[in-house]
Amino acid sequence: MLVLTKLIVAHLMGDFLLQPTSWVKEKEVHKSKSIKFYLHFLIHGALVLLFLWDMGLWPVAVSITLSHAVIDLLKTYSQRPKTTTRWFFLDQFLHLLSILVIWSIFFDENIDFRKFINSQNIWIYSAGILIVTQVSAIVLQVILKNWTAELNLSKKYSLKKAGKYIGILERLFVFTFVLLGRWEAIGFLITAKSVFRFSDLRRSRDRKLTEYICS
């Protein structure tokens, strides 16, 4: 597992720490013609060799580099302005999946997928995540539908679906804190949200909006 952890850390550093925003924008514009593409792939390979600290494992670094290149090229040529977010998460999922496959091949690690799928905790956590994200978002939308119609919530001064995604993130944080037993973190999150909301409500002086938010 130590090797797998090193490979994941190398990926995270290469994709998020050592890839400036200017590189990302240039790759989106020039695609495979951008030299930043190839520098990005080489950085990933170099990080793998550095973290594993064994030149004999160069095939692992080459495999990681090539798989990363293929996935990034697929993302760059397939994504559109409206699907950028979707492709970001799909891109990261494919990278992590490829790392897992390469690790299992080169280090002869037998992954028992049947045991993973049949794990009761996995299904419980999956159900919990689904409930606190998409399911609860739809339920709240249905419950508050009549009250929402009475409010003058102009879309001109709000971000599209921002409230939905912020709510999902908040519930995910709470769910994670519950699993970790960090109850004080939940209190801090609620307090911080209340402070920001209080100033908005005070300026609006709208009783209906106050009741809507507090609900």
N, C-alpha and C. Protein backbone atom coordinates (compact mmCIF):
# COMPACT_ATOMS: atom_id res chain seq x y z
N MET A 1 0.82 -1.22 0.00
CA MET A 1 0.00 0.00 0.00
C MET A 1 0.85 1.27 0.00
N LEU A 2 2.08 1.15 0.50
CA LEU A 2 2.96 2.33 0.55
C LEU A 2 3.26 2.82 -0.86
N VAL A 3 3.51 1.88 -1.78
CA VAL A 3 3.80 2.25 -3.17
C VAL A 3 2.59 2.92 -3.80
N LEU A 4 1.40 2.37 -3.57
CA LEU A 4 0.19 2.96 -4.12
C LEU A 4 -0.01 4.37 -3.58
N THR A 5 0.25 4.57 -2.31
CA THR A 5 0.13 5.91 -1.72
C THR A 5 1.09 6.88 -2.37
N LYS A 6 2.31 6.43 -2.63
CA LYS A 6 3.31 7.28 -3.28
C LYS A 6 2.86 7.67 -4.69
N LEU A 7 2.29 6.72 -5.42
CA LEU A 7 1.82 6.99 -6.78
C LEU A 7 0.67 8.00 -6.78
N ILE A 8 -0.22 7.88 -5.80
CA ILE A 8 -1.35 8.82 -5.71
C ILE A 8 -0.85 10.22 -5.34
N VAL A 9 0.10 10.29 -4.39
CA VAL A 9 0.65 11.60 -4.00
C VAL A 9 1.37 12.24 -5.19
N ALA A 10 2.10 11.43 -5.96
CA ALA A 10 2.79 11.94 -7.14
C ALA A 10 1.78 12.52 -8.14
N HIS A 11 0.67 11.83 -8.30
CA HIS A 11 -0.38 12.31 -9.21
C HIS A 11 -0.96 13.64 -8.72
N LEU A 12 -1.28 13.71 -7.43
CA LEU A 12 -1.87 14.93 -6.87
C LEU A 12 -0.92 16.12 -6.99
N MET A 13 0.35 15.87 -6.74
CA MET A 13 1.34 16.95 -6.86
C MET A 13 1.47 17.40 -8.31
N GLY A 14 1.53 16.44 -9.22
CA GLY A 14 1.69 16.77 -10.64
C GLY A 14 0.51 17.49 -11.23
N ASP A 15 -0.70 17.10 -10.80
CA ASP A 15 -1.91 17.69 -11.39
C ASP A 15 -2.34 18.99 -10.72
N PHE A 16 -2.08 19.13 -9.42
CA PHE A 16 -2.63 20.29 -8.70
C PHE A 16 -1.57 21.25 -8.18
N LEU A 17 -0.42 20.74 -7.81
CA LEU A 17 0.60 21.61 -7.23
C LEU A 17 1.58 22.13 -8.27
N LEU A 18 1.96 21.28 -9.22
CA LEU A 18 2.98 21.64 -10.20
C LEU A 18 2.41 21.89 -11.59
N GLN A 19 1.13 22.23 -11.66
CA GLN A 19 0.51 22.56 -12.95
C GLN A 19 -0.18 23.92 -12.83
N PRO A 20 0.49 24.99 -13.23
CA PRO A 20 -0.09 26.33 -13.12
C PRO A 20 -1.37 26.47 -13.95
N THR A 21 -2.20 27.40 -13.55
CA THR A 21 -3.45 27.64 -14.29
C THR A 21 -3.18 28.05 -15.73
N SER A 22 -2.07 28.76 -15.94
CA SER A 22 -1.72 29.18 -17.30
C SER A 22 -1.46 27.99 -18.20
N TRP A 23 -0.90 26.91 -17.63
CA TRP A 23 -0.67 25.69 -18.40
C TRP A 23 -1.99 25.06 -18.82
N VAL A 24 -2.92 25.02 -17.88
CA VAL A 24 -4.23 24.42 -18.15
C VAL A 24 -4.93 25.17 -19.28
N LYS A 25 -4.93 26.50 -19.20
CA LYS A 25 -5.59 27.32 -20.22
C LYS A 25 -4.92 27.16 -21.58
N GLU A 26 -3.57 27.09 -21.58
CA GLU A 26 -2.86 26.93 -22.84
C GLU A 26 -3.16 25.57 -23.48
N LYS A 27 -3.26 24.54 -22.65
CA LYS A 27 -3.58 23.21 -23.17
C LYS A 27 -4.99 23.16 -23.75
N GLU A 28 -5.91 23.87 -23.12
CA GLU A 28 -7.29 23.90 -23.62
C GLU A 28 -7.38 24.60 -24.96
N VAL A 29 -6.51 25.58 -25.18
CA VAL A 29 -6.54 26.35 -26.42
C VAL A 29 -5.77 25.62 -27.53
N HIS A 30 -4.53 25.22 -27.25
CA HIS A 30 -3.66 24.64 -28.28
C HIS A 30 -3.67 23.12 -28.30
N LYS A 31 -4.25 22.52 -27.26
CA LYS A 31 -4.38 21.07 -27.17
C LYS A 31 -3.02 20.38 -27.33
N SER A 32 -2.93 19.37 -28.20
CA SER A 32 -1.69 18.59 -28.32
C SER A 32 -0.53 19.39 -28.90
N LYS A 33 -0.80 20.56 -29.43
CA LYS A 33 0.27 21.40 -29.98
C LYS A 33 0.99 22.19 -28.89
N SER A 34 0.44 22.18 -27.70
CA SER A 34 1.04 22.92 -26.60
C SER A 34 2.21 22.14 -25.99
N ILE A 35 3.33 22.79 -25.83
CA ILE A 35 4.49 22.15 -25.21
C ILE A 35 4.24 21.86 -23.74
N LYS A 36 3.30 22.61 -23.14
CA LYS A 36 2.96 22.39 -21.73
C LYS A 36 2.36 21.01 -21.52
N PHE A 37 1.71 20.48 -22.53
CA PHE A 37 1.16 19.13 -22.45
C PHE A 37 2.28 18.14 -22.12
N TYR A 38 3.33 18.21 -22.89
CA TYR A 38 4.42 17.24 -22.77
C TYR A 38 5.24 17.47 -21.50
N LEU A 39 5.39 18.72 -21.11
CA LEU A 39 6.06 19.01 -19.85
C LEU A 39 5.27 18.44 -18.67
N HIS A 40 3.96 18.56 -18.76
CA HIS A 40 3.09 18.04 -17.70
C HIS A 40 3.23 16.53 -17.56
N PHE A 41 3.27 15.82 -18.67
CA PHE A 41 3.40 14.36 -18.62
C PHE A 41 4.76 13.96 -18.06
N LEU A 42 5.81 14.66 -18.49
CA LEU A 42 7.16 14.34 -18.03
C LEU A 42 7.30 14.59 -16.52
N ILE A 43 6.66 15.61 -16.04
CA ILE A 43 6.68 15.90 -14.59
C ILE A 43 6.08 14.74 -13.81
N HIS A 44 4.98 14.20 -14.32
CA HIS A 44 4.35 13.05 -13.65
C HIS A 44 5.30 11.86 -13.60
N GLY A 45 5.96 11.57 -14.72
CA GLY A 45 6.90 10.46 -14.75
C GLY A 45 8.08 10.68 -13.82
N ALA A 46 8.58 11.91 -13.80
CA ALA A 46 9.73 12.24 -12.94
C ALA A 46 9.35 12.12 -11.46
N LEU A 47 8.15 12.54 -11.11
CA LEU A 47 7.69 12.43 -9.71
C LEU A 47 7.58 10.97 -9.28
N VAL A 48 7.11 10.12 -10.17
CA VAL A 48 7.00 8.69 -9.85
C VAL A 48 8.38 8.10 -9.56
N LEU A 49 9.35 8.41 -10.43
CA LEU A 49 10.71 7.91 -10.21
C LEU A 49 11.31 8.47 -8.93
N LEU A 50 11.04 9.74 -8.67
CA LEU A 50 11.57 10.38 -7.47
C LEU A 50 11.00 9.74 -6.21
N PHE A 51 9.69 9.52 -6.19
CA PHE A 51 9.05 8.98 -4.99
C PHE A 51 9.37 7.50 -4.78
N LEU A 52 9.49 6.74 -5.87
CA LEU A 52 9.83 5.32 -5.73
C LEU A 52 11.31 5.12 -5.49
N TRP A 53 12.12 6.08 -5.96
CA TRP A 53 13.57 6.09 -5.73
C TRP A 53 14.23 4.77 -6.16
N ASP A 54 13.87 4.34 -7.39
CA ASP A 54 14.42 3.10 -7.93
C ASP A 54 14.34 3.17 -9.45
N MET A 55 15.49 3.36 -10.12
CA MET A 55 15.51 3.48 -11.58
C MET A 55 15.07 2.20 -12.25
N GLY A 56 15.13 1.09 -11.52
CA GLY A 56 14.68 -0.17 -12.08
C GLY A 56 13.17 -0.20 -12.29
N LEU A 57 12.48 0.74 -11.69
CA LEU A 57 11.02 0.81 -11.83
C LEU A 57 10.60 1.81 -12.92
N TRP A 58 11.53 2.07 -13.86
CA TRP A 58 11.20 3.02 -14.93
C TRP A 58 9.98 2.61 -15.75
N PRO A 59 9.70 1.29 -15.93
CA PRO A 59 8.48 0.93 -16.67
C PRO A 59 7.20 1.46 -15.99
N VAL A 60 7.23 1.53 -14.66
CA VAL A 60 6.07 2.08 -13.93
C VAL A 60 5.89 3.55 -14.28
N ALA A 61 7.00 4.29 -14.26
CA ALA A 61 6.94 5.72 -14.58
C ALA A 61 6.47 5.95 -16.01
N VAL A 62 6.95 5.13 -16.94
CA VAL A 62 6.55 5.26 -18.35
C VAL A 62 5.06 4.96 -18.50
N SER A 63 4.60 3.92 -17.82
CA SER A 63 3.18 3.54 -17.90
C SER A 63 2.28 4.64 -17.33
N ILE A 64 2.69 5.20 -16.19
CA ILE A 64 1.93 6.30 -15.59
C ILE A 64 1.88 7.50 -16.53
N THR A 65 3.04 7.82 -17.13
CA THR A 65 3.13 8.97 -18.04
C THR A 65 2.23 8.79 -19.26
N LEU A 66 2.31 7.60 -19.89
CA LEU A 66 1.52 7.36 -21.10
C LEU A 66 0.02 7.33 -20.80
N SER A 67 -0.36 6.68 -19.70
CA SER A 67 -1.78 6.62 -19.37
C SER A 67 -2.31 8.02 -19.06
N HIS A 68 -1.50 8.82 -18.38
CA HIS A 68 -1.91 10.19 -18.06
C HIS A 68 -2.07 11.00 -19.34
N ALA A 69 -1.16 10.80 -20.29
CA ALA A 69 -1.23 11.54 -21.55
C ALA A 69 -2.50 11.19 -22.32
N VAL A 70 -2.81 9.91 -22.41
CA VAL A 70 -4.00 9.47 -23.14
C VAL A 70 -5.27 10.03 -22.52
N ILE A 71 -5.37 9.97 -21.18
CA ILE A 71 -6.56 10.46 -20.49
C ILE A 71 -6.71 11.96 -20.64
N ASP A 72 -5.60 12.70 -20.52
CA ASP A 72 -5.66 14.16 -20.66
C ASP A 72 -6.03 14.58 -22.08
N LEU A 73 -5.51 13.85 -23.06
CA LEU A 73 -5.85 14.16 -24.45
C LEU A 73 -7.33 13.88 -24.71
N LEU A 74 -7.82 12.78 -24.16
CA LEU A 74 -9.25 12.45 -24.30
C LEU A 74 -10.11 13.55 -23.71
N LYS A 75 -9.72 14.01 -22.53
CA LYS A 75 -10.48 15.07 -21.86
C LYS A 75 -10.43 16.37 -22.67
N THR A 76 -9.24 16.75 -23.13
CA THR A 76 -9.07 18.02 -23.83
C THR A 76 -9.86 18.09 -25.12
N TYR A 77 -9.89 16.98 -25.85
CA TYR A 77 -10.59 16.99 -27.14
C TYR A 77 -12.08 16.69 -27.01
N SER A 78 -12.51 16.23 -25.85
CA SER A 78 -13.92 15.85 -25.68
C SER A 78 -14.74 16.87 -24.91
N GLN A 79 -14.11 17.58 -23.97
CA GLN A 79 -14.88 18.50 -23.13
C GLN A 79 -15.31 19.75 -23.88
N ARG A 80 -16.42 20.29 -23.45
CA ARG A 80 -16.97 21.53 -23.98
C ARG A 80 -17.14 22.49 -22.80
N PRO A 81 -17.34 23.78 -23.06
CA PRO A 81 -17.50 24.74 -21.95
C PRO A 81 -18.54 24.32 -20.93
N LYS A 82 -19.63 23.69 -21.36
CA LYS A 82 -20.70 23.31 -20.45
C LYS A 82 -20.40 21.99 -19.72
N THR A 83 -19.41 21.25 -20.20
CA THR A 83 -19.11 19.94 -19.58
C THR A 83 -17.75 19.93 -18.89
N THR A 84 -17.19 21.09 -18.63
CA THR A 84 -15.87 21.17 -18.01
C THR A 84 -15.84 20.50 -16.63
N THR A 85 -16.83 20.80 -15.80
CA THR A 85 -16.88 20.23 -14.46
C THR A 85 -17.01 18.72 -14.52
N ARG A 86 -17.89 18.24 -15.38
CA ARG A 86 -18.11 16.80 -15.51
C ARG A 86 -16.82 16.09 -15.95
N TRP A 87 -16.13 16.69 -16.91
CA TRP A 87 -14.90 16.07 -17.41
C TRP A 87 -13.77 16.16 -16.40
N PHE A 88 -13.78 17.16 -15.54
CA PHE A 88 -12.76 17.27 -14.49
C PHE A 88 -12.83 16.05 -13.57
N PHE A 89 -14.04 15.72 -13.10
CA PHE A 89 -14.19 14.60 -12.19
C PHE A 89 -13.96 13.27 -12.90
N LEU A 90 -14.41 13.14 -14.14
CA LEU A 90 -14.18 11.92 -14.90
C LEU A 90 -12.69 11.73 -15.16
N ASP A 91 -12.01 12.83 -15.47
CA ASP A 91 -10.56 12.80 -15.70
C ASP A 91 -9.81 12.29 -14.47
N GLN A 92 -10.16 12.83 -13.30
CA GLN A 92 -9.49 12.41 -12.07
C GLN A 92 -9.81 10.96 -11.72
N PHE A 93 -11.05 10.55 -11.97
CA PHE A 93 -11.42 9.16 -11.71
C PHE A 93 -10.61 8.21 -12.60
N LEU A 94 -10.47 8.53 -13.88
CA LEU A 94 -9.72 7.68 -14.80
C LEU A 94 -8.24 7.64 -14.43
N HIS A 95 -7.69 8.77 -13.98
CA HIS A 95 -6.29 8.79 -13.55
C HIS A 95 -6.07 7.86 -12.35
N LEU A 96 -6.93 7.97 -11.37
CA LEU A 96 -6.79 7.14 -10.17
C LEU A 96 -7.01 5.66 -10.50
N LEU A 97 -7.94 5.38 -11.40
CA LEU A 97 -8.20 4.00 -11.82
C LEU A 97 -6.98 3.42 -12.54
N SER A 98 -6.37 4.22 -13.42
CA SER A 98 -5.19 3.75 -14.14
C SER A 98 -4.02 3.51 -13.19
N ILE A 99 -3.87 4.37 -12.19
CA ILE A 99 -2.82 4.17 -11.19
C ILE A 99 -3.03 2.87 -10.43
N LEU A 100 -4.28 2.60 -10.08
CA LEU A 100 -4.61 1.36 -9.36
C LEU A 100 -4.29 0.13 -10.20
N VAL A 101 -4.64 0.19 -11.49
CA VAL A 101 -4.37 -0.94 -12.39
C VAL A 101 -2.87 -1.15 -12.58
N ILE A 102 -2.12 -0.08 -12.81
CA ILE A 102 -0.67 -0.17 -13.01
C ILE A 102 0.01 -0.71 -11.75
N TRP A 103 -0.44 -0.22 -10.60
CA TRP A 103 0.11 -0.70 -9.33
C TRP A 103 -0.12 -2.19 -9.15
N SER A 104 -1.33 -2.65 -9.47
CA SER A 104 -1.66 -4.07 -9.28
C SER A 104 -0.88 -4.95 -10.26
N ILE A 105 -0.57 -4.42 -11.46
CA ILE A 105 0.16 -5.21 -12.46
C ILE A 105 1.65 -5.32 -12.12
N PHE A 106 2.28 -4.20 -11.85
CA PHE A 106 3.73 -4.19 -11.65
C PHE A 106 4.14 -4.70 -10.27
N PHE A 107 3.28 -4.57 -9.31
CA PHE A 107 3.66 -4.98 -7.96
C PHE A 107 2.91 -6.23 -7.50
N ASP A 108 2.28 -6.88 -8.47
CA ASP A 108 1.64 -8.18 -8.23
C ASP A 108 0.71 -8.14 -7.02
N GLU A 109 -0.07 -7.07 -6.97
CA GLU A 109 -1.03 -6.94 -5.88
C GLU A 109 -2.39 -7.47 -6.34
N ASN A 110 -2.88 -8.46 -5.66
CA ASN A 110 -4.18 -9.04 -6.00
C ASN A 110 -5.29 -8.28 -5.30
N ILE A 111 -6.12 -7.61 -6.08
CA ILE A 111 -7.21 -6.83 -5.53
C ILE A 111 -8.48 -7.67 -5.58
N ASP A 112 -9.02 -7.96 -4.45
CA ASP A 112 -10.24 -8.77 -4.37
C ASP A 112 -11.47 -7.86 -4.51
N PHE A 113 -11.89 -7.65 -5.75
CA PHE A 113 -13.02 -6.76 -6.00
C PHE A 113 -14.32 -7.33 -5.44
N ARG A 114 -14.43 -8.65 -5.41
CA ARG A 114 -15.65 -9.26 -4.86
C ARG A 114 -15.80 -8.95 -3.38
N LYS A 115 -14.69 -8.98 -2.66
CA LYS A 115 -14.73 -8.64 -1.25
C LYS A 115 -15.08 -7.18 -1.06
N PHE A 116 -14.56 -6.33 -1.95
CA PHE A 116 -14.84 -4.90 -1.89
C PHE A 116 -16.33 -4.63 -2.15
N ILE A 117 -16.88 -5.27 -3.19
CA ILE A 117 -18.27 -5.06 -3.57
C ILE A 117 -19.23 -5.61 -2.52
N ASN A 118 -18.83 -6.73 -1.89
CA ASN A 118 -19.70 -7.37 -0.91
C ASN A 118 -19.54 -6.82 0.51
N SER A 119 -18.72 -5.77 0.64
CA SER A 119 -18.53 -5.16 1.95
C SER A 119 -19.77 -4.36 2.34
N GLN A 120 -20.31 -4.65 3.51
CA GLN A 120 -21.51 -3.95 3.97
C GLN A 120 -21.24 -2.47 4.20
N ASN A 121 -20.06 -2.13 4.73
CA ASN A 121 -19.73 -0.73 4.99
C ASN A 121 -19.70 0.09 3.72
N ILE A 122 -19.18 -0.49 2.63
CA ILE A 122 -19.11 0.23 1.36
C ILE A 122 -20.51 0.63 0.91
N TRP A 123 -21.47 -0.29 1.01
CA TRP A 123 -22.83 0.00 0.58
C TRP A 123 -23.51 1.00 1.51
N ILE A 124 -23.22 0.91 2.80
CA ILE A 124 -23.80 1.86 3.76
C ILE A 124 -23.28 3.27 3.49
N TYR A 125 -21.96 3.40 3.30
CA TYR A 125 -21.38 4.71 3.02
C TYR A 125 -21.86 5.26 1.68
N SER A 126 -21.97 4.38 0.68
CA SER A 126 -22.44 4.82 -0.64
C SER A 126 -23.87 5.34 -0.55
N ALA A 127 -24.72 4.61 0.19
CA ALA A 127 -26.09 5.05 0.37
C ALA A 127 -26.15 6.39 1.10
N GLY A 128 -25.29 6.53 2.12
CA GLY A 128 -25.24 7.79 2.87
C GLY A 128 -24.84 8.96 2.01
N ILE A 129 -23.83 8.76 1.17
CA ILE A 129 -23.36 9.83 0.29
C ILE A 129 -24.44 10.22 -0.71
N LEU A 130 -25.12 9.24 -1.28
CA LEU A 130 -26.20 9.53 -2.23
C LEU A 130 -27.33 10.29 -1.57
N ILE A 131 -27.66 9.90 -0.35
CA ILE A 131 -28.78 10.55 0.36
C ILE A 131 -28.45 12.00 0.69
N VAL A 132 -27.23 12.28 1.17
CA VAL A 132 -26.91 13.64 1.58
C VAL A 132 -26.56 14.55 0.40
N THR A 133 -26.40 13.98 -0.79
CA THR A 133 -26.08 14.81 -1.95
C THR A 133 -27.30 14.99 -2.84
N GLN A 134 -27.44 14.14 -3.85
CA GLN A 134 -28.49 14.34 -4.85
C GLN A 134 -29.89 14.11 -4.31
N VAL A 135 -30.06 13.05 -3.51
CA VAL A 135 -31.40 12.72 -3.02
C VAL A 135 -31.96 13.84 -2.15
N SER A 136 -31.17 14.29 -1.18
CA SER A 136 -31.66 15.35 -0.28
C SER A 136 -31.86 16.67 -1.03
N ALA A 137 -31.05 16.92 -2.06
CA ALA A 137 -31.22 18.14 -2.84
C ALA A 137 -32.57 18.15 -3.54
N ILE A 138 -32.96 17.01 -4.10
CA ILE A 138 -34.25 16.92 -4.78
C ILE A 138 -35.40 16.99 -3.78
N VAL A 139 -35.25 16.30 -2.64
CA VAL A 139 -36.29 16.32 -1.61
C VAL A 139 -36.53 17.73 -1.10
N LEU A 140 -35.44 18.46 -0.82
CA LEU A 140 -35.59 19.84 -0.34
C LEU A 140 -36.22 20.73 -1.40
N GLN A 141 -35.85 20.49 -2.66
CA GLN A 141 -36.44 21.28 -3.74
C GLN A 141 -37.95 21.08 -3.82
N VAL A 142 -38.39 19.84 -3.65
CA VAL A 142 -39.82 19.54 -3.69
C VAL A 142 -40.54 20.14 -2.48
N ILE A 143 -39.95 19.97 -1.29
CA ILE A 143 -40.58 20.46 -0.06
C ILE A 143 -40.72 21.98 -0.07
N LEU A 144 -39.68 22.68 -0.56
CA LEU A 144 -39.66 24.14 -0.50
C LEU A 144 -40.21 24.80 -1.77
N LYS A 145 -40.74 24.00 -2.67
CA LYS A 145 -41.19 24.53 -3.97
C LYS A 145 -42.22 25.63 -3.82
N ASN A 146 -43.22 25.41 -2.99
CA ASN A 146 -44.29 26.41 -2.83
C ASN A 146 -43.78 27.70 -2.21
N TRP A 147 -42.87 27.58 -1.24
CA TRP A 147 -42.32 28.79 -0.60
C TRP A 147 -41.37 29.53 -1.54
N THR A 148 -40.66 28.78 -2.34
CA THR A 148 -39.72 29.40 -3.30
C THR A 148 -40.48 30.29 -4.28
N ALA A 149 -41.66 29.84 -4.67
CA ALA A 149 -42.46 30.60 -5.64
C ALA A 149 -42.90 31.95 -5.09
N GLU A 150 -43.02 32.07 -3.76
CA GLU A 150 -43.46 33.32 -3.15
C GLU A 150 -42.33 34.33 -2.97
N LEU A 151 -41.09 33.87 -3.14
CA LEU A 151 -39.95 34.76 -2.95
C LEU A 151 -39.52 35.39 -4.25
N ASN A 152 -39.06 36.60 -4.17
CA ASN A 152 -38.56 37.30 -5.34
C ASN A 152 -37.05 37.06 -5.45
N LEU A 153 -36.70 35.86 -5.89
CA LEU A 153 -35.29 35.48 -6.00
C LEU A 153 -34.82 35.71 -7.43
N SER A 154 -34.34 36.87 -7.71
CA SER A 154 -33.93 37.23 -9.06
C SER A 154 -32.67 36.47 -9.46
N LYS A 155 -32.72 35.80 -10.61
CA LYS A 155 -31.56 35.05 -11.10
C LYS A 155 -30.45 35.98 -11.58
N LYS A 156 -30.81 37.24 -11.77
CA LYS A 156 -29.83 38.20 -12.26
C LYS A 156 -28.70 38.40 -11.27
N TYR A 157 -29.01 38.27 -9.96
CA TYR A 157 -28.02 38.54 -8.92
C TYR A 157 -27.57 37.26 -8.21
N SER A 158 -27.79 36.12 -8.84
CA SER A 158 -27.37 34.85 -8.23
C SER A 158 -26.67 33.98 -9.26
N LEU A 159 -25.85 33.04 -8.77
CA LEU A 159 -25.14 32.11 -9.63
C LEU A 159 -26.01 30.88 -9.88
N LYS A 160 -26.04 30.41 -11.10
CA LYS A 160 -26.88 29.29 -11.47
C LYS A 160 -26.49 28.02 -10.70
N LYS A 161 -27.46 27.47 -9.97
CA LYS A 161 -27.30 26.22 -9.21
C LYS A 161 -26.24 26.29 -8.12
N ALA A 162 -25.77 27.51 -7.81
CA ALA A 162 -24.72 27.64 -6.79
C ALA A 162 -25.20 27.15 -5.43
N GLY A 163 -26.44 27.54 -5.08
CA GLY A 163 -26.99 27.12 -3.80
C GLY A 163 -27.08 25.61 -3.67
N LYS A 164 -27.45 24.95 -4.77
CA LYS A 164 -27.58 23.50 -4.77
C LYS A 164 -26.24 22.84 -4.46
N TYR A 165 -25.21 23.26 -5.17
CA TYR A 165 -23.90 22.63 -5.00
C TYR A 165 -23.26 22.99 -3.66
N ILE A 166 -23.49 24.22 -3.19
CA ILE A 166 -22.98 24.60 -1.87
C ILE A 166 -23.64 23.74 -0.79
N GLY A 167 -24.96 23.54 -0.94
CA GLY A 167 -25.68 22.69 0.01
C GLY A 167 -25.16 21.26 0.01
N ILE A 168 -24.87 20.74 -1.18
CA ILE A 168 -24.33 19.38 -1.29
C ILE A 168 -22.98 19.28 -0.59
N LEU A 169 -22.13 20.28 -0.80
CA LEU A 169 -20.81 20.28 -0.15
C LEU A 169 -20.94 20.36 1.36
N GLU A 170 -21.86 21.20 1.82
CA GLU A 170 -22.07 21.34 3.27
C GLU A 170 -22.50 20.01 3.88
N ARG A 171 -23.44 19.34 3.21
CA ARG A 171 -23.92 18.05 3.74
C ARG A 171 -22.84 16.98 3.68
N LEU A 172 -22.00 17.03 2.65
CA LEU A 172 -20.89 16.08 2.57
C LEU A 172 -19.89 16.31 3.71
N PHE A 173 -19.62 17.59 4.01
CA PHE A 173 -18.73 17.91 5.13
C PHE A 173 -19.31 17.37 6.44
N VAL A 174 -20.59 17.62 6.66
CA VAL A 174 -21.23 17.15 7.90
C VAL A 174 -21.19 15.63 7.97
N PHE A 175 -21.47 14.96 6.86
CA PHE A 175 -21.46 13.50 6.81
C PHE A 175 -20.06 12.97 7.15
N THR A 176 -19.03 13.61 6.57
CA THR A 176 -17.65 13.19 6.83
C THR A 176 -17.27 13.43 8.29
N PHE A 177 -17.67 14.58 8.83
CA PHE A 177 -17.36 14.89 10.24
C PHE A 177 -18.04 13.90 11.19
N VAL A 178 -19.26 13.48 10.83
CA VAL A 178 -19.96 12.49 11.66
C VAL A 178 -19.20 11.17 11.65
N LEU A 179 -18.76 10.74 10.48
CA LEU A 179 -18.01 9.48 10.38
C LEU A 179 -16.71 9.55 11.18
N LEU A 180 -16.09 10.74 11.19
CA LEU A 180 -14.84 10.92 11.91
C LEU A 180 -15.05 11.22 13.38
N GLY A 181 -16.31 11.48 13.76
CA GLY A 181 -16.61 11.80 15.16
C GLY A 181 -16.15 13.19 15.56
N ARG A 182 -16.01 14.10 14.59
CA ARG A 182 -15.56 15.47 14.89
C ARG A 182 -16.79 16.38 14.98
N TRP A 183 -17.48 16.30 16.12
CA TRP A 183 -18.70 17.08 16.31
C TRP A 183 -18.42 18.58 16.40
N GLU A 184 -17.24 18.94 16.91
CA GLU A 184 -16.92 20.37 17.03
C GLU A 184 -16.79 21.01 15.65
N ALA A 185 -16.34 20.23 14.66
CA ALA A 185 -16.21 20.76 13.30
C ALA A 185 -17.58 21.08 12.72
N ILE A 186 -18.58 20.25 13.04
CA ILE A 186 -19.95 20.51 12.57
C ILE A 186 -20.46 21.81 13.17
N GLY A 187 -20.20 22.01 14.46
CA GLY A 187 -20.62 23.25 15.12
C GLY A 187 -19.97 24.46 14.50
N PHE A 188 -18.68 24.34 14.18
CA PHE A 188 -17.96 25.45 13.55
C PHE A 188 -18.54 25.76 12.17
N LEU A 189 -18.88 24.72 11.40
CA LEU A 189 -19.45 24.92 10.07
C LEU A 189 -20.78 25.64 10.14
N ILE A 190 -21.64 25.21 11.08
CA ILE A 190 -22.96 25.84 11.23
C ILE A 190 -22.82 27.29 11.69
N THR A 191 -21.89 27.52 12.60
CA THR A 191 -21.67 28.89 13.11
C THR A 191 -21.18 29.81 12.00
N ALA A 192 -20.22 29.33 11.23
CA ALA A 192 -19.67 30.15 10.14
C ALA A 192 -20.75 30.48 9.12
N LYS A 193 -21.58 29.50 8.78
CA LYS A 193 -22.66 29.73 7.82
C LYS A 193 -23.66 30.75 8.38
N SER A 194 -23.97 30.63 9.67
CA SER A 194 -24.93 31.53 10.29
C SER A 194 -24.44 32.98 10.29
N VAL A 195 -23.14 33.18 10.51
CA VAL A 195 -22.58 34.53 10.52
C VAL A 195 -22.74 35.20 9.17
N PHE A 196 -22.42 34.46 8.10
CA PHE A 196 -22.53 35.02 6.75
C PHE A 196 -23.99 35.27 6.38
N ARG A 197 -24.86 34.34 6.76
CA ARG A 197 -26.28 34.48 6.44
C ARG A 197 -26.91 35.64 7.19
N PHE A 198 -26.46 35.87 8.42
CA PHE A 198 -27.06 36.93 9.24
C PHE A 198 -26.91 38.29 8.58
N SER A 199 -25.72 38.56 8.02
CA SER A 199 -25.51 39.87 7.38
C SER A 199 -26.38 40.02 6.15
N ASP A 200 -26.55 38.90 5.39
CA ASP A 200 -27.42 38.95 4.21
C ASP A 200 -28.86 39.23 4.59
N LEU A 201 -29.33 38.54 5.64
CA LEU A 201 -30.71 38.70 6.06
C LEU A 201 -30.97 40.09 6.63
N ARG A 202 -29.99 40.62 7.34
CA ARG A 202 -30.15 41.95 7.94
C ARG A 202 -30.29 43.01 6.86
N ARG A 203 -29.55 42.85 5.77
CA ARG A 203 -29.63 43.83 4.69
C ARG A 203 -30.93 43.68 3.91
N SER A 204 -31.40 42.45 3.77
CA SER A 204 -32.59 42.23 2.94
C SER A 204 -33.87 42.68 3.64
N ARG A 205 -33.94 42.54 4.98
CA ARG A 205 -35.13 42.89 5.76
C ARG A 205 -36.39 42.25 5.16
N ASP A 206 -36.22 41.00 4.72
CA ASP A 206 -37.33 40.26 4.12
C ASP A 206 -37.68 39.08 5.02
N ARG A 207 -38.84 39.14 5.66
CA ARG A 207 -39.22 38.11 6.63
C ARG A 207 -39.37 36.75 5.95
N LYS A 208 -39.99 36.75 4.77
CA LYS A 208 -40.17 35.48 4.06
C LYS A 208 -38.83 34.84 3.72
N LEU A 209 -37.89 35.67 3.28
CA LEU A 209 -36.56 35.15 2.94
C LEU A 209 -35.87 34.62 4.19
N THR A 210 -36.04 35.31 5.30
CA THR A 210 -35.44 34.85 6.56
C THR A 210 -35.97 33.48 6.96
N GLU A 211 -37.29 33.31 6.89
CA GLU A 211 -37.90 32.03 7.24
C GLU A 211 -37.48 30.94 6.27
N TYR A 212 -37.34 31.29 5.00
CA TYR A 212 -36.96 30.34 3.96
C TYR A 212 -35.55 29.79 4.23
N ILE A 213 -34.61 30.68 4.52
CA ILE A 213 -33.23 30.30 4.75
C ILE A 213 -33.10 29.50 6.04
N CYS A 214 -33.77 29.97 7.10
CA CYS A 214 -33.68 29.29 8.40
C CYS A 214 -34.29 27.89 8.36
N SER A 215 -35.22 27.67 7.42
CA SER A 215 -35.82 26.34 7.32
C SER A 215 -34.85 25.35 6.72
